[in-house]
Amino acid sequence: MRLLLALLPFFVLAAEPKPIRVLVWDEQQPQQAQGYGDKLLGETLAAELAKNKDLVVKTARLADADQGLSDAALDQADVLVFWCHRKVKEQDDARVEAVVKRVQAGKLGFIALHSAHWAKPFVRLMQERSKDDALKQLSAEERANAKWVFTNAAPFYKGVKAGAPLTPSVKREGSTYTLTLPQCVFPGYRADGKPGHMTTVAPNHPIAANLPAKWDIPQTEMYDEPFHVPAPDAVVFEERWDKGEHFRSGITWQVGQGKVFYYRPGHETYPIFKQPENIQVVENAVRWAAAK
């Protein structure tokens, strides 16, 4: 009995869940000061997330050593929250692949925010998901004989016109399959700060927890469908604007063993991540993406 009592604290400690380790990565555009002041976008969001006792939050930026994505930094994170815009092509390919491999292995969840739709890590993850989806469409015999050609391997910071063929797409000639990889972009946008109207279309999804069926974002940039990405596993939120545009604004994928979430609302100059609903979305997404 005495031994059991002596060991009881160890059993209690072992039963306590470990905190989720979150790394918030921000390119840090100077324009963010218009919406966020001295504490820029990533720092503001990190401070909000850190109010949760079960989250341990760190920040990183493009100007850091190894662009803030060293092996040590990634190994100490369960989820990477990513914001970028102007300097996409400066993202180091080796660091990008380090992120992608960890997501595929189920060691890291990835959350892309707003203009991170063309962040190199997000695009690479969508490419890998597109390859997986293409393979699943083939029979075992077709897979054994298939020869693959991949096009559009570097779509970073390239737009797409309205009516352009959707990507990803597959074309077959005999046993040769040409997979056009996803552009990860869309044909229309407006940065006029008009309100977006959000609808929770998957209320039972974990990312929708504690969120209303509908809410408005007072100022945001508009993105218009179609979004050139692989078919998602879930669409959690949809967004509409008064001029008629719409967008799948909260969507999820599994890539390998890891989880990926894209959340559309944002802009450098609009304080999106001071709004409780948007913070709640990211908080929920962190917990979802970290879950094994």
Protein backbone atom coordinates (compact mmCIF):
# COMPACT_ATOMS: atom_id res chain seq x y z
CA MET A 1 0.00 0.00 0.00
CA ARG A 2 2.79 2.41 0.91
CA LEU A 3 4.50 1.69 -2.41
CA LEU A 4 1.26 2.34 -4.27
CA LEU A 5 0.79 5.67 -2.50
CA ALA A 6 4.38 6.62 -3.23
CA LEU A 7 3.90 5.90 -6.94
CA LEU A 8 0.53 7.67 -7.20
CA PRO A 9 2.00 11.10 -8.17
CA PHE A 10 3.84 9.46 -11.08
CA PHE A 11 0.62 7.85 -12.31
CA VAL A 12 -1.15 11.21 -12.13
CA LEU A 13 1.63 12.93 -14.07
CA ALA A 14 1.61 10.21 -16.70
CA ALA A 15 -2.14 10.62 -17.18
CA GLU A 16 -1.96 14.39 -17.74
CA PRO A 17 -2.01 15.27 -21.46
CA LYS A 18 1.06 16.97 -22.80
CA PRO A 19 0.60 20.56 -23.96
CA ILE A 20 0.36 21.15 -27.70
CA ARG A 21 3.47 22.85 -29.04
CA VAL A 22 2.62 25.53 -31.59
CA LEU A 23 5.01 27.43 -33.85
CA VAL A 24 3.50 30.56 -35.44
CA TRP A 25 5.51 31.57 -38.51
CA ASP A 26 5.06 35.07 -39.92
CA GLU A 27 6.81 36.68 -42.88
CA GLN A 28 6.19 40.01 -41.10
CA GLN A 29 5.22 42.58 -43.71
CA PRO A 30 5.66 46.15 -42.41
CA GLN A 31 2.08 46.90 -43.50
CA GLN A 32 0.84 44.67 -40.67
CA ALA A 33 1.48 47.55 -38.27
CA GLN A 34 -1.60 49.29 -39.70
CA GLY A 35 -3.85 46.58 -38.31
CA TYR A 36 -1.81 45.23 -35.41
CA GLY A 37 0.51 47.98 -34.16
CA ASP A 38 3.96 47.15 -32.75
CA LYS A 39 2.97 43.54 -32.11
CA LEU A 40 2.62 42.28 -35.68
CA LEU A 41 0.16 39.72 -37.01
CA GLY A 42 1.98 36.54 -36.02
CA GLU A 43 2.91 37.89 -32.60
CA THR A 44 -0.68 39.01 -31.97
CA LEU A 45 -2.08 35.63 -32.93
CA ALA A 46 0.55 33.80 -30.88
CA ALA A 47 -0.30 35.89 -27.81
CA GLU A 48 -3.99 35.02 -28.20
CA LEU A 49 -3.28 31.30 -28.57
CA ALA A 50 -0.94 31.36 -25.57
CA LYS A 51 -3.87 32.32 -23.33
CA ASN A 52 -4.82 28.61 -23.46
CA LYS A 53 -2.99 26.63 -20.79
CA ASP A 54 -2.80 23.52 -22.98
CA LEU A 55 -0.92 25.37 -25.74
CA VAL A 56 2.79 26.25 -25.65
CA VAL A 57 3.33 28.86 -28.33
CA LYS A 58 6.50 30.16 -29.99
CA THR A 59 6.97 32.54 -32.91
CA ALA A 60 9.30 32.49 -35.90
CA ARG A 61 9.89 34.69 -38.94
CA LEU A 62 11.60 34.74 -42.30
CA ALA A 63 14.52 36.82 -40.96
CA ASP A 64 15.44 34.25 -38.28
CA ALA A 65 18.33 31.81 -38.65
CA ASP A 66 17.21 28.93 -40.90
CA GLN A 67 14.18 31.12 -41.57
CA GLY A 68 12.85 30.04 -38.17
CA LEU A 69 12.34 26.49 -39.45
CA SER A 70 15.45 24.68 -38.27
CA ASP A 71 15.23 20.96 -37.60
CA ALA A 72 15.33 21.71 -33.88
CA ALA A 73 12.48 24.21 -34.12
CA LEU A 74 10.34 21.83 -36.17
CA ASP A 75 11.06 18.88 -33.90
CA GLN A 76 9.83 20.96 -30.97
CA ALA A 77 6.50 21.75 -32.64
CA ASP A 78 3.31 19.72 -33.03
CA VAL A 79 1.62 22.29 -35.27
CA LEU A 80 2.99 24.96 -37.61
CA VAL A 81 0.74 27.99 -38.24
CA PHE A 82 1.95 29.81 -41.37
CA TRP A 83 1.45 33.36 -42.70
CA CYS A 84 3.25 34.78 -45.73
CA HIS A 85 2.60 36.99 -48.72
CA ARG A 86 5.22 39.05 -50.57
CA LYS A 87 8.37 36.97 -50.14
CA VAL A 88 7.20 33.52 -51.09
CA LYS A 89 10.07 32.85 -53.48
CA GLU A 90 12.59 33.61 -50.71
CA GLN A 91 11.41 30.60 -48.68
CA ASP A 92 14.27 28.10 -48.57
CA ASP A 93 13.44 24.88 -50.41
CA ALA A 94 15.37 22.69 -47.98
CA ARG A 95 13.43 24.11 -45.02
CA VAL A 96 10.20 23.68 -46.96
CA GLU A 97 10.91 20.00 -47.58
CA ALA A 98 11.73 19.54 -43.90
CA VAL A 99 8.21 20.78 -43.12
CA VAL A 100 6.58 18.61 -45.79
CA LYS A 101 8.32 15.42 -44.67
CA ARG A 102 7.27 15.95 -41.06
CA VAL A 103 3.65 16.53 -42.05
CA GLN A 104 3.62 13.42 -44.25
CA ALA A 105 5.06 11.39 -41.38
CA GLY A 106 2.34 12.62 -38.99
CA LYS A 107 4.84 14.49 -36.83
CA LEU A 108 3.55 17.98 -37.62
CA GLY A 109 0.19 19.56 -38.41
CA PHE A 110 0.10 22.49 -40.83
CA ILE A 111 -2.26 25.49 -40.85
CA ALA A 112 -2.04 27.97 -43.74
CA LEU A 113 -3.60 31.40 -43.24
CA HIS A 114 -4.93 33.67 -46.01
CA SER A 115 -2.17 34.51 -48.51
CA ALA A 116 -0.24 31.43 -47.41
CA HIS A 117 -2.27 29.66 -50.10
CA TRP A 118 0.87 30.08 -52.22
CA ALA A 119 3.37 29.52 -49.45
CA LYS A 120 5.86 26.92 -50.60
CA PRO A 121 5.05 24.44 -47.79
CA PHE A 122 1.30 24.62 -48.52
CA VAL A 123 1.78 24.26 -52.28
CA ARG A 124 4.13 21.32 -51.81
CA LEU A 125 1.67 19.61 -49.48
CA MET A 126 -1.12 20.11 -52.01
CA GLN A 127 1.12 18.65 -54.70
CA GLU A 128 1.76 15.55 -52.61
CA ARG A 129 -1.95 15.17 -51.87
CA SER A 130 -2.67 15.51 -55.61
CA LYS A 131 -0.20 12.71 -56.37
CA ASP A 132 -1.85 10.48 -53.76
CA ASP A 133 -5.31 11.22 -55.16
CA ALA A 134 -4.19 10.49 -58.73
CA LEU A 135 -2.73 7.13 -57.72
CA LYS A 136 -5.94 6.12 -55.96
CA GLN A 137 -7.85 6.47 -59.24
CA LEU A 138 -5.79 3.69 -60.86
CA SER A 139 -6.20 -0.05 -60.58
CA ALA A 140 -3.32 -2.14 -59.26
CA GLU A 141 -2.44 -3.15 -62.83
CA GLU A 142 -2.48 0.45 -64.04
CA ARG A 143 -0.27 1.55 -61.16
CA ALA A 144 2.29 -1.15 -61.94
CA ASN A 145 2.67 0.06 -65.55
CA ALA A 146 2.12 3.81 -65.07
CA LYS A 147 4.69 6.38 -66.08
CA TRP A 148 4.15 9.78 -64.48
CA VAL A 149 4.90 13.25 -65.80
CA PHE A 150 4.37 16.18 -63.41
CA THR A 151 3.85 19.69 -64.77
CA ASN A 152 3.41 23.08 -63.06
CA ALA A 153 5.93 22.15 -60.37
CA ALA A 154 6.70 25.78 -59.41
CA PRO A 155 3.45 27.80 -59.39
CA PHE A 156 4.56 30.03 -56.50
CA TYR A 157 3.17 33.57 -56.79
CA LYS A 158 1.60 32.96 -60.21
CA GLY A 159 -2.02 33.92 -60.78
CA VAL A 160 -4.71 32.17 -62.79
CA LYS A 161 -7.32 33.66 -65.10
CA ALA A 162 -11.07 33.12 -64.86
CA GLY A 163 -12.07 30.13 -66.93
CA ALA A 164 -8.63 28.55 -66.85
CA PRO A 165 -8.63 24.74 -66.66
CA LEU A 166 -8.89 23.59 -63.06
CA THR A 167 -5.87 22.12 -61.36
CA PRO A 168 -4.91 19.50 -60.33
CA SER A 169 -5.86 17.48 -63.41
CA VAL A 170 -4.71 14.21 -65.01
CA LYS A 171 -4.33 13.39 -68.71
CA ARG A 172 -3.63 9.87 -69.92
CA GLU A 173 -1.90 8.75 -73.11
CA GLY A 174 -1.42 4.99 -73.08
CA SER A 175 0.45 4.14 -69.89
CA THR A 176 1.75 7.71 -69.47
CA TYR A 177 -0.13 9.94 -67.04
CA THR A 178 0.47 13.69 -67.00
CA LEU A 179 -0.53 15.25 -63.69
CA THR A 180 -0.86 19.01 -63.78
CA LEU A 181 -0.17 20.00 -60.20
CA PRO A 182 -2.43 22.49 -58.38
CA GLN A 183 -1.97 26.22 -58.82
CA CYS A 184 -3.18 26.81 -55.23
CA VAL A 185 -4.64 30.13 -56.33
CA PHE A 186 -7.93 31.58 -57.67
CA PRO A 187 -9.01 33.99 -60.42
CA GLY A 188 -10.38 36.92 -58.44
CA TYR A 189 -9.62 39.04 -55.37
CA ARG A 190 -10.43 42.47 -53.97
CA ALA A 191 -8.50 44.16 -51.15
CA ASP A 192 -11.15 46.81 -50.51
CA GLY A 193 -11.95 45.73 -46.95
CA LYS A 194 -15.61 44.90 -47.57
CA PRO A 195 -17.18 42.56 -45.00
CA GLY A 196 -17.18 38.80 -45.47
CA HIS A 197 -20.13 36.71 -44.31
CA MET A 198 -19.07 33.36 -42.88
CA THR A 199 -21.23 30.24 -42.61
CA THR A 200 -20.31 27.13 -40.65
CA VAL A 201 -21.23 24.34 -43.07
CA ALA A 202 -19.83 21.45 -41.01
CA PRO A 203 -20.98 22.27 -37.45
CA ASN A 204 -19.95 18.86 -36.10
CA HIS A 205 -16.35 19.17 -37.25
CA PRO A 206 -13.85 19.77 -34.39
CA ILE A 207 -12.67 23.00 -36.05
CA ALA A 208 -16.22 24.37 -35.78
CA ALA A 209 -16.42 23.89 -32.00
CA ASN A 210 -17.83 26.88 -30.06
CA LEU A 211 -18.45 28.86 -33.25
CA PRO A 212 -21.79 30.31 -34.38
CA ALA A 213 -23.68 29.11 -37.45
CA LYS A 214 -22.98 32.48 -39.09
CA TRP A 215 -20.83 35.49 -38.37
CA ASP A 216 -19.47 38.53 -40.18
CA ILE A 217 -15.89 39.67 -40.59
CA PRO A 218 -16.10 43.50 -40.73
CA GLN A 219 -13.05 44.04 -42.95
CA THR A 220 -11.32 41.46 -45.10
CA GLU A 221 -9.88 40.87 -48.54
CA MET A 222 -12.10 38.95 -50.98
CA TYR A 223 -11.00 35.75 -52.74
CA ASP A 224 -13.28 34.25 -55.39
CA GLU A 225 -13.69 30.62 -56.44
CA PRO A 226 -12.61 28.38 -58.03
CA PHE A 227 -9.73 27.61 -55.68
CA HIS A 228 -7.22 25.42 -57.54
CA VAL A 229 -6.53 22.80 -54.87
CA PRO A 230 -7.20 19.06 -54.52
CA ALA A 231 -10.69 18.05 -53.44
CA PRO A 232 -10.71 18.60 -49.66
CA ASP A 233 -11.67 16.05 -47.06
CA ALA A 234 -13.96 18.60 -45.41
CA VAL A 235 -15.26 22.09 -46.04
CA VAL A 236 -15.87 23.55 -42.59
CA PHE A 237 -16.61 27.20 -43.47
CA GLU A 238 -17.89 29.01 -46.54
CA GLU A 239 -17.70 32.77 -47.06
CA ARG A 240 -19.72 35.15 -49.22
CA TRP A 241 -19.58 38.83 -50.12
CA ASP A 242 -22.31 41.33 -50.97
CA LYS A 243 -21.22 41.50 -54.62
CA GLY A 244 -21.89 37.77 -55.01
CA GLU A 245 -18.45 36.18 -54.67
CA HIS A 246 -17.97 33.07 -52.54
CA PHE A 247 -15.10 30.93 -51.27
CA ARG A 248 -14.50 27.71 -49.38
CA SER A 249 -12.86 29.55 -46.52
CA GLY A 250 -12.04 26.70 -44.13
CA ILE A 251 -10.96 23.40 -45.67
CA THR A 252 -9.03 20.33 -44.55
CA TRP A 253 -6.90 17.59 -46.07
CA GLN A 254 -4.89 14.66 -44.84
CA VAL A 255 -1.48 14.47 -46.50
CA GLY A 256 0.24 11.20 -45.75
CA GLN A 257 -0.22 10.78 -42.00
CA GLY A 258 -0.51 14.51 -41.28
CA LYS A 259 -3.33 17.06 -41.19
CA VAL A 260 -3.54 20.33 -43.15
CA PHE A 261 -6.05 23.17 -42.73
CA TYR A 262 -6.44 26.31 -44.82
CA TYR A 263 -8.26 29.36 -43.42
CA ARG A 264 -8.93 32.12 -45.92
CA PRO A 265 -9.88 35.36 -44.06
CA GLY A 266 -7.21 37.99 -43.67
CA HIS A 267 -5.09 40.81 -45.00
CA GLU A 268 -2.04 42.62 -43.67
CA THR A 269 -3.90 45.83 -42.85
CA TYR A 270 -7.15 44.43 -41.42
CA PRO A 271 -7.03 43.17 -37.79
CA ILE A 272 -8.59 39.79 -38.58
CA PHE A 273 -6.86 38.00 -35.72
CA LYS A 274 -8.18 40.38 -33.10
CA GLN A 275 -11.69 39.07 -33.78
CA PRO A 276 -12.74 36.32 -31.33
CA GLU A 277 -14.33 34.06 -33.96
CA ASN A 278 -11.19 33.96 -36.11
CA ILE A 279 -8.99 33.29 -33.11
CA GLN A 280 -11.34 30.46 -32.10
CA VAL A 281 -11.03 28.93 -35.57
CA VAL A 282 -7.24 28.85 -35.37
CA GLU A 283 -7.31 27.56 -31.79
CA ASN A 284 -9.66 24.73 -32.81
CA ALA A 285 -7.55 23.98 -35.89
CA VAL A 286 -4.40 23.71 -33.78
CA ARG A 287 -6.01 21.08 -31.56
CA TRP A 288 -7.41 19.21 -34.57
CA ALA A 289 -4.11 19.25 -36.47
CA ALA A 290 -2.14 18.07 -33.41
CA ALA A 291 -4.42 15.11 -32.72
CA LYS A 292 -2.91 11.77 -33.69
